[in-house]
Amino acid sequence: MNVTEPDTKTCKQCCLSIPLEAKICTHCQSHQDWRGLFSISNTVLALLTALVSVLSIAIPNLYGLMHTPRSDMAAPMMSMEGTTVRVLINNRGDAAGVFVRADVRSEYLAGATKVRLRDDQRAVIGPGTNLLMFDIIPLLTQDESYRNSVEMIELVLQNKDAPSTDIIFQFGDSDGIPMVTRLSLDAAKLFELMRANSDRCSAVKVADFYNGCIGPGAAPDGAVYLETLKDGSSEHESRSDKPYPRTESPSAQH
């Protein structure tokens, strides 16, 4: 007696008859192998897709409600070339900081010497790396700048210190905490500044306060101070009626 083998089997999910070799049910589209243990209906799959979409929108909004953006500005890297100062500052936070002001504290240059931000839109320091460029504008004519450059190169050759000159930069974080940093100018940098300013003023047709080529802008008794450095004597100090002003450190200002 011949026994014929069945050519159908029962679906594991819907219990309907399907071909014996079928790997996917022709009725409910469910897998018949191990993948059938993880079968998900189209309805469940659609719900999961909708849930992921909602969470992708809701999570950033919830984070924004609980998180307060703050700026985090690191100490800047500064370089100087001629009358140009480059300040590279990195804001590691997620809010913008701001450049507040720049001042010159000097025993050699006039107090009205300007440090002008070249692009005012750069005053807002967004997250990431920011390059700020400044122009130093001494109140000196072309001839005065040239004479000062000669004085500075003499100090360089004699290996003597120049009168104290600092450029003070002030920045503000988003939470109102100020950050102060300074760029100190030695005799070599002052020589470079004076020569570059002499060249700049030589191209100015009309000297005024804005371009700074009107002069004179030397600090009081600056020439006496330089003569003291050259001669190495204290004779000139007795002729001065008052001491030279001293620059406060950033920590003392705030």
C-alpha atoms as a PDB file:
ATOM      1  CA  MET A   1       0.000   0.000   0.000  1.00  0.00           C
ATOM      2  CA  ASN A   2       1.500   3.302  -1.098  1.00  0.00           C
ATOM      3  CA  VAL A   3       1.340   6.182   1.359  1.00  0.00           C
ATOM      4  CA  THR A   4       1.408   9.599  -0.241  1.00  0.00           C
ATOM      5  CA  GLU A   5       3.141  12.394   1.589  1.00  0.00           C
ATOM      6  CA  PRO A   6       1.109  15.562   2.183  1.00  0.00           C
ATOM      7  CA  ASP A   7       1.901  18.450  -0.109  1.00  0.00           C
ATOM      8  CA  THR A   8       0.560  21.151   2.229  1.00  0.00           C
ATOM      9  CA  LYS A   9       1.172  22.326   5.731  1.00  0.00           C
ATOM     10  CA  THR A  10      -0.504  24.620   8.205  1.00  0.00           C
ATOM     11  CA  CYS A  11       0.636  28.228   8.637  1.00  0.00           C
ATOM     12  CA  LYS A  12       2.060  28.858  12.076  1.00  0.00           C
ATOM     13  CA  GLN A  13       0.287  32.197  12.322  1.00  0.00           C
ATOM     14  CA  CYS A  14      -3.120  31.965  10.618  1.00  0.00           C
ATOM     15  CA  CYS A  15      -3.425  28.111  10.652  1.00  0.00           C
ATOM     16  CA  LEU A  16      -4.481  27.972   6.995  1.00  0.00           C
ATOM     17  CA  SER A  17      -3.132  25.469   4.513  1.00  0.00           C
ATOM     18  CA  ILE A  18      -0.125  26.567   2.495  1.00  0.00           C
ATOM     19  CA  PRO A  19       2.249  24.683   0.176  1.00  0.00           C
ATOM     20  CA  LEU A  20       4.681  22.382   1.952  1.00  0.00           C
ATOM     21  CA  GLU A  21       7.779  24.212   0.729  1.00  0.00           C
ATOM     22  CA  ALA A  22       6.384  27.686   1.323  1.00  0.00           C
ATOM     23  CA  LYS A  23       8.591  29.963   3.417  1.00  0.00           C
ATOM     24  CA  ILE A  24       6.040  32.804   3.552  1.00  0.00           C
ATOM     25  CA  CYS A  25       2.320  32.270   4.080  1.00  0.00           C
ATOM     26  CA  THR A  26       0.282  33.152   1.039  1.00  0.00           C
ATOM     27  CA  HIS A  27      -2.548  34.312   3.298  1.00  0.00           C
ATOM     28  CA  CYS A  28      -1.002  36.377   6.124  1.00  0.00           C
ATOM     29  CA  GLN A  29       2.480  36.939   4.630  1.00  0.00           C
ATOM     30  CA  SER A  30       4.180  35.651   7.791  1.00  0.00           C
ATOM     31  CA  HIS A  31       7.516  33.864   7.705  1.00  0.00           C
ATOM     32  CA  GLN A  32       7.522  30.144   8.418  1.00  0.00           C
ATOM     33  CA  ASP A  33      11.144  29.895   9.620  1.00  0.00           C
ATOM     34  CA  TRP A  34      12.869  31.512  12.626  1.00  0.00           C
ATOM     35  CA  ARG A  35      11.948  34.944  11.335  1.00  0.00           C
ATOM     36  CA  GLY A  36       8.334  34.144  12.160  1.00  0.00           C
ATOM     37  CA  LEU A  37       9.236  34.466  15.860  1.00  0.00           C
ATOM     38  CA  PHE A  38       9.873  38.173  15.297  1.00  0.00           C
ATOM     39  CA  SER A  39       7.014  38.863  12.978  1.00  0.00           C
ATOM     40  CA  ILE A  40       5.436  42.304  13.253  1.00  0.00           C
ATOM     41  CA  SER A  41       2.178  43.183  11.714  1.00  0.00           C
ATOM     42  CA  ASN A  42       1.834  46.131   9.393  1.00  0.00           C
ATOM     43  CA  THR A  43      -0.207  47.936  12.017  1.00  0.00           C
ATOM     44  CA  VAL A  44       2.464  47.576  14.684  1.00  0.00           C
ATOM     45  CA  LEU A  45       5.153  48.636  12.218  1.00  0.00           C
ATOM     46  CA  ALA A  46       3.182  51.755  11.299  1.00  0.00           C
ATOM     47  CA  LEU A  47       2.744  52.636  14.981  1.00  0.00           C
ATOM     48  CA  LEU A  48       6.463  52.237  15.656  1.00  0.00           C
ATOM     49  CA  THR A  49       7.300  54.465  12.690  1.00  0.00           C
ATOM     50  CA  ALA A  50       4.920  57.135  13.943  1.00  0.00           C
ATOM     51  CA  LEU A  51       6.402  56.902  17.453  1.00  0.00           C
ATOM     52  CA  VAL A  52       9.948  57.423  16.158  1.00  0.00           C
ATOM     53  CA  SER A  53       8.809  60.440  14.151  1.00  0.00           C
ATOM     54  CA  VAL A  54       7.125  62.015  17.174  1.00  0.00           C
ATOM     55  CA  LEU A  55      10.139  61.390  19.431  1.00  0.00           C
ATOM     56  CA  SER A  56      12.550  62.916  16.901  1.00  0.00           C
ATOM     57  CA  ILE A  57      10.573  66.156  17.158  1.00  0.00           C
ATOM     58  CA  ALA A  58       9.733  66.066  20.860  1.00  0.00           C
ATOM     59  CA  ILE A  59      13.196  65.252  22.286  1.00  0.00           C
ATOM     60  CA  PRO A  60      14.972  68.374  20.951  1.00  0.00           C
ATOM     61  CA  ASN A  61      12.080  70.536  22.188  1.00  0.00           C
ATOM     62  CA  LEU A  62      12.235  68.962  25.636  1.00  0.00           C
ATOM     63  CA  TYR A  63      16.016  69.471  25.708  1.00  0.00           C
ATOM     64  CA  GLY A  64      15.536  73.116  24.795  1.00  0.00           C
ATOM     65  CA  LEU A  65      13.079  73.575  27.676  1.00  0.00           C
ATOM     66  CA  MET A  66      15.458  72.088  30.233  1.00  0.00           C
ATOM     67  CA  HIS A  67      18.753  73.480  28.862  1.00  0.00           C
ATOM     68  CA  THR A  68      19.893  77.120  29.009  1.00  0.00           C
ATOM     69  CA  PRO A  69      22.296  77.989  26.156  1.00  0.00           C
ATOM     70  CA  ARG A  70      25.610  79.443  27.327  1.00  0.00           C
ATOM     71  CA  SER A  71      28.743  80.677  25.671  1.00  0.00           C
ATOM     72  CA  ASP A  72      32.133  79.294  26.690  1.00  0.00           C
ATOM     73  CA  MET A  73      34.942  81.371  25.218  1.00  0.00           C
ATOM     74  CA  ALA A  74      38.508  80.138  25.555  1.00  0.00           C
ATOM     75  CA  ALA A  75      41.511  82.444  25.909  1.00  0.00           C
ATOM     76  CA  PRO A  76      42.167  83.903  22.463  1.00  0.00           C
ATOM     77  CA  MET A  77      45.269  83.532  20.330  1.00  0.00           C
ATOM     78  CA  MET A  78      46.640  86.932  19.302  1.00  0.00           C
ATOM     79  CA  SER A  79      49.150  88.099  16.725  1.00  0.00           C
ATOM     80  CA  MET A  80      50.231  91.504  15.459  1.00  0.00           C
ATOM     81  CA  GLU A  81      51.559  92.637  12.108  1.00  0.00           C
ATOM     82  CA  GLY A  82      52.141  96.336  11.515  1.00  0.00           C
ATOM     83  CA  THR A  83      49.018  98.183  12.627  1.00  0.00           C
ATOM     84  CA  THR A  84      46.845  95.043  12.398  1.00  0.00           C
ATOM     85  CA  VAL A  85      46.005  92.765  15.345  1.00  0.00           C
ATOM     86  CA  ARG A  86      44.419  89.370  14.733  1.00  0.00           C
ATOM     87  CA  VAL A  87      42.495  87.719  17.550  1.00  0.00           C
ATOM     88  CA  LEU A  88      41.416  84.094  17.120  1.00  0.00           C
ATOM     89  CA  ILE A  89      38.842  83.116  19.736  1.00  0.00           C
ATOM     90  CA  ASN A  90      36.998  79.809  20.114  1.00  0.00           C
ATOM     91  CA  ASN A  91      33.486  79.743  21.550  1.00  0.00           C
ATOM     92  CA  ARG A  92      32.927  76.203  22.815  1.00  0.00           C
ATOM     93  CA  GLY A  93      29.379  76.899  24.021  1.00  0.00           C
ATOM     94  CA  ASP A  94      26.037  76.921  22.235  1.00  0.00           C
ATOM     95  CA  ALA A  95      25.237  80.636  22.693  1.00  0.00           C
ATOM     96  CA  ALA A  96      26.904  83.750  21.344  1.00  0.00           C
ATOM     97  CA  GLY A  97      29.387  85.850  23.283  1.00  0.00           C
ATOM     98  CA  VAL A  98      30.304  89.440  22.489  1.00  0.00           C
ATOM     99  CA  PHE A  99      33.350  91.636  22.023  1.00  0.00           C
ATOM    100  CA  VAL A 100      32.982  94.624  24.367  1.00  0.00           C
ATOM    101  CA  ARG A 101      35.922  96.974  23.836  1.00  0.00           C
ATOM    102  CA  ALA A 102      39.657  97.365  23.346  1.00  0.00           C
ATOM    103  CA  ASP A 103      41.851  99.966  25.065  1.00  0.00           C
ATOM    104  CA  VAL A 104      45.505 100.955  25.008  1.00  0.00           C
ATOM    105  CA  ARG A 105      47.350 101.300  28.325  1.00  0.00           C
ATOM    106  CA  SER A 106      50.715 102.826  27.526  1.00  0.00           C
ATOM    107  CA  GLU A 107      53.505 105.010  28.897  1.00  0.00           C
ATOM    108  CA  TYR A 108      54.489 105.793  25.309  1.00  0.00           C
ATOM    109  CA  LEU A 109      51.359 106.113  23.184  1.00  0.00           C
ATOM    110  CA  ALA A 110      48.581 108.595  23.841  1.00  0.00           C
ATOM    111  CA  GLY A 111      45.592 107.435  25.815  1.00  0.00           C
ATOM    112  CA  ALA A 112      43.360 108.382  22.871  1.00  0.00           C
ATOM    113  CA  THR A 113      45.066 105.799  20.651  1.00  0.00           C
ATOM    114  CA  LYS A 114      42.245 103.792  19.094  1.00  0.00           C
ATOM    115  CA  VAL A 115      41.957 100.037  18.609  1.00  0.00           C
ATOM    116  CA  ARG A 116      39.166  99.704  16.063  1.00  0.00           C
ATOM    117  CA  LEU A 117      37.359  96.468  15.173  1.00  0.00           C
ATOM    118  CA  ARG A 118      37.529  96.198  11.401  1.00  0.00           C
ATOM    119  CA  ASP A 119      34.093  94.549  10.975  1.00  0.00           C
ATOM    120  CA  ASP A 120      31.433  95.458  13.554  1.00  0.00           C
ATOM    121  CA  GLN A 121      29.392  92.373  12.675  1.00  0.00           C
ATOM    122  CA  ARG A 122      32.226  90.286  14.139  1.00  0.00           C
ATOM    123  CA  ALA A 123      31.481  91.736  17.575  1.00  0.00           C
ATOM    124  CA  VAL A 124      28.946  88.926  18.069  1.00  0.00           C
ATOM    125  CA  ILE A 125      31.029  85.799  18.683  1.00  0.00           C
ATOM    126  CA  GLY A 126      28.980  82.766  17.700  1.00  0.00           C
ATOM    127  CA  PRO A 127      29.749  79.149  18.601  1.00  0.00           C
ATOM    128  CA  GLY A 128      32.879  77.860  16.904  1.00  0.00           C
ATOM    129  CA  THR A 129      36.105  79.560  15.867  1.00  0.00           C
ATOM    130  CA  ASN A 130      35.987  83.309  15.199  1.00  0.00           C
ATOM    131  CA  LEU A 131      38.663  85.573  13.709  1.00  0.00           C
ATOM    132  CA  LEU A 132      38.541  89.240  14.749  1.00  0.00           C
ATOM    133  CA  MET A 133      40.781  91.815  13.080  1.00  0.00           C
ATOM    134  CA  PHE A 134      41.634  95.165  14.664  1.00  0.00           C
ATOM    135  CA  ASP A 135      43.385  98.298  13.424  1.00  0.00           C
ATOM    136  CA  ILE A 136      45.655 100.199  15.826  1.00  0.00           C
ATOM    137  CA  ILE A 137      45.434 103.933  15.112  1.00  0.00           C
ATOM    138  CA  PRO A 138      47.988 106.050  17.013  1.00  0.00           C
ATOM    139  CA  LEU A 139      47.427 109.806  16.999  1.00  0.00           C
ATOM    140  CA  LEU A 140      50.719 110.448  15.216  1.00  0.00           C
ATOM    141  CA  THR A 141      51.679 112.084  11.953  1.00  0.00           C
ATOM    142  CA  GLN A 142      53.845 110.383   9.369  1.00  0.00           C
ATOM    143  CA  ASP A 143      57.011 112.170  10.552  1.00  0.00           C
ATOM    144  CA  GLU A 144      56.290 111.542  14.241  1.00  0.00           C
ATOM    145  CA  SER A 145      55.702 107.850  13.575  1.00  0.00           C
ATOM    146  CA  TYR A 146      58.971 107.637  11.663  1.00  0.00           C
ATOM    147  CA  ARG A 147      60.938 109.340  14.460  1.00  0.00           C
ATOM    148  CA  ASN A 148      59.359 107.029  17.012  1.00  0.00           C
ATOM    149  CA  SER A 149      60.313 104.001  14.906  1.00  0.00           C
ATOM    150  CA  VAL A 150      63.946 105.181  14.976  1.00  0.00           C
ATOM    151  CA  GLU A 151      63.774 105.478  18.770  1.00  0.00           C
ATOM    152  CA  MET A 152      62.314 101.988  19.086  1.00  0.00           C
ATOM    153  CA  ILE A 153      64.936 100.366  16.840  1.00  0.00           C
ATOM    154  CA  GLU A 154      67.630 101.976  18.983  1.00  0.00           C
ATOM    155  CA  LEU A 155      66.131 100.306  22.040  1.00  0.00           C
ATOM    156  CA  VAL A 156      66.059  96.990  20.196  1.00  0.00           C
ATOM    157  CA  LEU A 157      69.730  97.299  19.223  1.00  0.00           C
ATOM    158  CA  GLN A 158      70.670  98.264  22.776  1.00  0.00           C
ATOM    159  CA  ASN A 159      68.601  95.381  24.150  1.00  0.00           C
ATOM    160  CA  LYS A 160      66.606  97.753  26.382  1.00  0.00           C
ATOM    161  CA  ASP A 161      62.969  97.577  27.374  1.00  0.00           C
ATOM    162  CA  ALA A 162      60.454  99.889  25.779  1.00  0.00           C
ATOM    163  CA  PRO A 163      57.928 101.898  27.819  1.00  0.00           C
ATOM    164  CA  SER A 164      55.117  99.661  29.007  1.00  0.00           C
ATOM    165  CA  THR A 165      52.436  99.306  26.323  1.00  0.00           C
ATOM    166  CA  ASP A 166      49.494  96.900  26.499  1.00  0.00           C
ATOM    167  CA  ILE A 167      46.370  96.449  24.393  1.00  0.00           C
ATOM    168  CA  ILE A 168      43.500  95.338  26.623  1.00  0.00           C
ATOM    169  CA  PHE A 169      40.691  93.312  25.039  1.00  0.00           C
ATOM    170  CA  GLN A 170      37.418  92.731  26.893  1.00  0.00           C
ATOM    171  CA  PHE A 171      34.864  90.084  25.941  1.00  0.00           C
ATOM    172  CA  GLY A 172      31.535  89.162  27.548  1.00  0.00           C
ATOM    173  CA  ASP A 173      29.990  85.735  28.014  1.00  0.00           C
ATOM    174  CA  SER A 174      26.268  85.127  27.601  1.00  0.00           C
ATOM    175  CA  ASP A 175      25.853  85.008  31.388  1.00  0.00           C
ATOM    176  CA  GLY A 176      27.451  88.439  31.803  1.00  0.00           C
ATOM    177  CA  ILE A 177      30.862  87.308  33.070  1.00  0.00           C
ATOM    178  CA  PRO A 178      33.627  89.419  31.463  1.00  0.00           C
ATOM    179  CA  MET A 179      36.843  87.958  30.076  1.00  0.00           C
ATOM    180  CA  VAL A 180      39.850  90.287  29.845  1.00  0.00           C
ATOM    181  CA  THR A 181      43.059  89.527  27.999  1.00  0.00           C
ATOM    182  CA  ARG A 182      46.016  91.650  26.964  1.00  0.00           C
ATOM    183  CA  LEU A 183      48.612  91.879  24.226  1.00  0.00           C
ATOM    184  CA  SER A 184      51.913  93.390  25.417  1.00  0.00           C
ATOM    185  CA  LEU A 185      54.060  95.269  22.905  1.00  0.00           C
ATOM    186  CA  ASP A 186      57.828  95.207  23.280  1.00  0.00           C
ATOM    187  CA  ALA A 187      60.286  97.515  21.514  1.00  0.00           C
ATOM    188  CA  ALA A 188      60.325  95.359  18.373  1.00  0.00           C
ATOM    189  CA  LYS A 189      56.524  95.418  18.098  1.00  0.00           C
ATOM    190  CA  LEU A 190      56.406  99.153  18.738  1.00  0.00           C
ATOM    191  CA  PHE A 191      59.000  99.667  16.006  1.00  0.00           C
ATOM    192  CA  GLU A 192      56.879  97.628  13.626  1.00  0.00           C
ATOM    193  CA  LEU A 193      53.781  99.595  14.636  1.00  0.00           C
ATOM    194  CA  MET A 194      55.467 102.972  14.148  1.00  0.00           C
ATOM    195  CA  ARG A 195      56.913 102.102  10.739  1.00  0.00           C
ATOM    196  CA  ALA A 196      53.590 100.711   9.511  1.00  0.00           C
ATOM    197  CA  ASN A 197      51.733 103.779  10.800  1.00  0.00           C
ATOM    198  CA  SER A 198      54.213 106.082   9.037  1.00  0.00           C
ATOM    199  CA  ASP A 199      53.588 104.229   5.764  1.00  0.00           C
ATOM    200  CA  ARG A 200      49.829 104.349   6.349  1.00  0.00           C
ATOM    201  CA  CYS A 201      49.762 108.099   7.015  1.00  0.00           C
ATOM    202  CA  SER A 202      51.900 108.765   3.941  1.00  0.00           C
ATOM    203  CA  ALA A 203      48.963 107.580   1.821  1.00  0.00           C
ATOM    204  CA  VAL A 204      46.365 109.681   3.700  1.00  0.00           C
ATOM    205  CA  LYS A 205      45.350 112.786   1.756  1.00  0.00           C
ATOM    206  CA  VAL A 206      43.461 114.583   4.540  1.00  0.00           C
ATOM    207  CA  ALA A 207      44.609 113.918   8.092  1.00  0.00           C
ATOM    208  CA  ASP A 208      41.827 113.899  10.689  1.00  0.00           C
ATOM    209  CA  PHE A 209      40.922 112.348  14.015  1.00  0.00           C
ATOM    210  CA  TYR A 210      39.310 109.315  12.398  1.00  0.00           C
ATOM    211  CA  ASN A 211      42.403 108.200  10.499  1.00  0.00           C
ATOM    212  CA  GLY A 212      44.602 109.286  13.417  1.00  0.00           C
ATOM    213  CA  CYS A 213      47.253 111.043  11.319  1.00  0.00           C
ATOM    214  CA  ILE A 214      46.665 114.477  12.855  1.00  0.00           C
ATOM    215  CA  GLY A 215      49.167 114.164  15.760  1.00  0.00           C
ATOM    216  CA  PRO A 216      50.610 114.892  18.181  1.00  0.00           C
ATOM    217  CA  GLY A 217      49.697 111.851  20.239  1.00  0.00           C
ATOM    218  CA  ALA A 218      52.817 111.072  22.249  1.00  0.00           C
ATOM    219  CA  ALA A 219      52.377 110.406  25.946  1.00  0.00           C
ATOM    220  CA  PRO A 220      53.478 113.210  28.313  1.00  0.00           C
ATOM    221  CA  ASP A 221      57.263 113.308  28.884  1.00  0.00           C
ATOM    222  CA  GLY A 222      57.682 110.370  26.532  1.00  0.00           C
ATOM    223  CA  ALA A 223      60.846 111.843  25.086  1.00  0.00           C
ATOM    224  CA  VAL A 224      62.312 112.290  28.583  1.00  0.00           C
ATOM    225  CA  TYR A 225      61.536 108.671  29.356  1.00  0.00           C
ATOM    226  CA  LEU A 226      63.327 107.512  26.210  1.00  0.00           C
ATOM    227  CA  GLU A 227      66.354 109.687  26.943  1.00  0.00           C
ATOM    228  CA  THR A 228      66.525 108.092  30.387  1.00  0.00           C
ATOM    229  CA  LEU A 229      66.620 104.653  28.812  1.00  0.00           C
ATOM    230  CA  LYS A 230      69.312 105.703  26.338  1.00  0.00           C
ATOM    231  CA  ASP A 231      71.625 107.421  28.842  1.00  0.00           C
ATOM    232  CA  GLY A 232      71.076 104.976  31.684  1.00  0.00           C
ATOM    233  CA  SER A 233      71.086 107.849  34.179  1.00  0.00           C
ATOM    234  CA  SER A 234      68.564 108.981  36.773  1.00  0.00           C
ATOM    235  CA  GLU A 235      69.194 112.652  36.077  1.00  0.00           C
ATOM    236  CA  HIS A 236      66.109 112.951  33.893  1.00  0.00           C
ATOM    237  CA  GLU A 237      63.873 111.349  36.494  1.00  0.00           C
ATOM    238  CA  SER A 238      64.280 114.280  38.834  1.00  0.00           C
ATOM    239  CA  ARG A 239      63.060 116.630  36.103  1.00  0.00           C
ATOM    240  CA  SER A 240      59.740 114.858  35.787  1.00  0.00           C
ATOM    241  CA  ASP A 241      57.013 116.328  37.941  1.00  0.00           C
ATOM    242  CA  LYS A 242      55.003 113.122  38.224  1.00  0.00           C
ATOM    243  CA  PRO A 243      55.573 109.394  37.756  1.00  0.00           C
ATOM    244  CA  TYR A 244      54.367 107.583  34.700  1.00  0.00           C
ATOM    245  CA  PRO A 245      50.992 105.862  35.043  1.00  0.00           C
ATOM    246  CA  ARG A 246      51.018 102.141  35.635  1.00  0.00           C
ATOM    247  CA  THR A 247      48.817  99.625  33.847  1.00  0.00           C
ATOM    248  CA  GLU A 248      46.409  97.695  36.001  1.00  0.00           C
ATOM    249  CA  SER A 249      46.215  93.970  35.555  1.00  0.00           C
ATOM    250  CA  PRO A 250      42.957  92.530  34.194  1.00  0.00           C
ATOM    251  CA  SER A 251      42.273  90.841  37.526  1.00  0.00           C
ATOM    252  CA  ALA A 252      42.521  94.142  39.360  1.00  0.00           C
ATOM    253  CA  GLN A 253      40.022  95.766  37.017  1.00  0.00           C
ATOM    254  CA  HIS A 254      37.359  93.202  37.662  1.00  0.00           C
END
